[in-house]
Protein backbone atom coordinates (compact mmCIF):
# COMPACT_ATOMS: atom_id res chain seq x y z
CA LEU A 1 -41.60 -17.71 -26.10
CA GLY A 2 -38.87 -14.46 -24.94
CA GLU A 3 -36.69 -13.38 -27.49
CA VAL A 4 -33.48 -15.57 -28.82
CA CYS A 5 -30.10 -14.10 -28.06
CA GLY A 6 -28.04 -14.83 -31.00
CA SER A 7 -27.38 -11.39 -33.20
CA PRO A 8 -23.75 -10.66 -33.70
CA PHE A 9 -22.76 -7.67 -33.42
CA LEU A 10 -18.90 -6.82 -33.99
CA VAL A 11 -17.79 -4.50 -31.65
CA SER A 12 -15.50 -1.56 -32.51
CA GLY A 13 -14.08 1.15 -29.92
CA ASP A 14 -12.87 1.18 -26.24
CA SER A 15 -16.13 2.72 -24.72
CA MET A 16 -16.58 -0.95 -22.86
CA ILE A 17 -13.72 -2.11 -21.45
CA GLY A 18 -14.37 -1.39 -17.92
CA ALA A 19 -17.25 -4.41 -18.73
CA SER A 20 -14.79 -6.33 -20.09
CA ILE A 21 -15.61 -5.56 -23.61
CA ASP A 22 -12.96 -5.23 -26.18
CA GLU A 23 -12.39 -4.00 -29.62
CA THR A 24 -13.06 -6.47 -32.00
CA ASP A 25 -14.74 -8.96 -29.05
CA VAL A 26 -18.50 -10.28 -31.22
CA LEU A 27 -21.24 -9.66 -28.88
CA ILE A 28 -24.85 -12.01 -29.34
CA TYR A 29 -27.12 -10.26 -28.66
CA LYS A 30 -31.02 -10.75 -28.25
CA ARG A 31 -33.69 -8.10 -30.45
CA THR A 32 -35.71 -6.47 -27.70
CA GLU A 33 -37.59 -3.20 -26.98
CA LYS A 34 -37.14 -3.14 -23.58
CA VAL A 35 -34.62 -3.74 -21.39
CA ARG A 36 -33.89 -3.40 -17.16
CA ASN A 37 -31.85 -0.44 -16.21
CA ASN A 38 -28.37 -1.12 -16.48
CA SER A 39 -28.06 -3.78 -18.82
CA ILE A 40 -25.77 -3.67 -21.79
CA VAL A 41 -27.34 -2.98 -25.19
CA ILE A 42 -26.26 -1.50 -28.94
CA THR A 43 -28.49 1.04 -29.80
CA ARG A 44 -28.48 3.66 -32.88
CA VAL A 45 -28.67 7.71 -31.57
CA ASN A 46 -28.80 9.76 -34.15
CA GLY A 47 -27.96 7.11 -37.20
CA ASN A 48 -24.64 5.67 -34.98
CA THR A 49 -24.64 2.32 -33.37
CA PHE A 50 -23.02 2.28 -29.67
CA VAL A 51 -22.53 -0.41 -26.92
CA LYS A 52 -23.61 0.59 -23.71
CA ARG A 53 -24.69 0.74 -20.44
CA ILE A 54 -28.70 1.73 -20.28
CA LYS A 55 -29.56 4.37 -17.34
CA TYR A 56 -32.87 5.39 -16.38
CA ASP A 57 -33.74 8.19 -14.39
CA LEU A 58 -36.88 9.81 -14.11
CA ASP A 59 -37.25 11.68 -16.95
CA ALA A 60 -34.34 10.75 -19.11
CA ILE A 61 -32.86 7.74 -20.13
CA TYR A 62 -28.43 7.77 -20.92
CA LEU A 63 -26.21 5.66 -22.16
CA VAL A 64 -23.26 5.35 -20.41
CA SER A 65 -19.77 4.05 -20.86
CA GLU A 66 -17.81 1.74 -19.35
CA ASN A 67 -14.17 3.52 -19.68
CA PRO A 68 -14.21 7.15 -18.08
CA ARG A 69 -12.45 8.89 -20.77
CA TYR A 70 -16.41 9.23 -21.68
CA ASN A 71 -19.08 10.69 -21.03
CA PRO A 72 -22.54 9.37 -20.68
CA ILE A 73 -25.11 10.33 -23.47
CA ARG A 74 -28.25 11.78 -22.87
CA ILE A 75 -30.82 10.67 -25.34
CA THR A 76 -33.08 13.73 -25.79
CA LYS A 77 -36.80 13.67 -27.78
CA GLU A 78 -34.95 15.61 -30.27
CA MET A 79 -32.70 12.24 -31.19
CA ASP A 80 -33.86 9.30 -33.67
CA PHE A 81 -32.48 6.86 -31.25
CA LYS A 82 -33.42 2.74 -31.20
CA LEU A 83 -32.55 0.05 -28.66
CA LEU A 84 -31.17 -2.29 -31.15
CA GLY A 85 -31.37 -5.05 -28.16
CA GLU A 86 -29.75 -6.79 -25.21
CA VAL A 87 -26.27 -8.35 -24.99
CA CYS A 88 -26.00 -11.08 -23.58
CA GLY A 89 -22.98 -12.96 -24.44
CA SER A 90 -19.70 -12.02 -25.87
CA ILE A 91 -16.98 -14.37 -28.25
CA ARG A 92 -13.14 -13.63 -27.85
CA GLN A 93 -10.63 -14.14 -30.20
CA ILE A 94 -8.08 -14.74 -27.98
CA ASN A 95 -4.66 -16.31 -30.38
CA GLU A 96 -4.47 -12.92 -32.22
CA GLY A 97 -1.19 -12.49 -33.57
CA LEU A 98 0.29 -15.95 -32.71
CA GLN A 99 2.06 -17.62 -35.21
CA PRO A 100 2.47 -21.28 -35.55
CA ARG A 101 5.87 -22.82 -34.34
């Protein structure tokens, strides 16, 4: 059986706005250590948690934002890198800030 998609993760920041992932969205992800190239993943690098697109190169792994303001992160052997999982959905609060009549 495959991994179940169901772990929640609250987004902070704007690095993935080009993929329609906004700050305060709740991502649903499946815990896995293997993902396909170009998947949107949740990772931990040197103690910091990131939501990025993963890109495999011949000799490197890159974590790429969907916002041109952020440079790709090249993963090196010296980094403490852990793949937490692959994003498979999101929940967005759409009525935030609306006042009742």
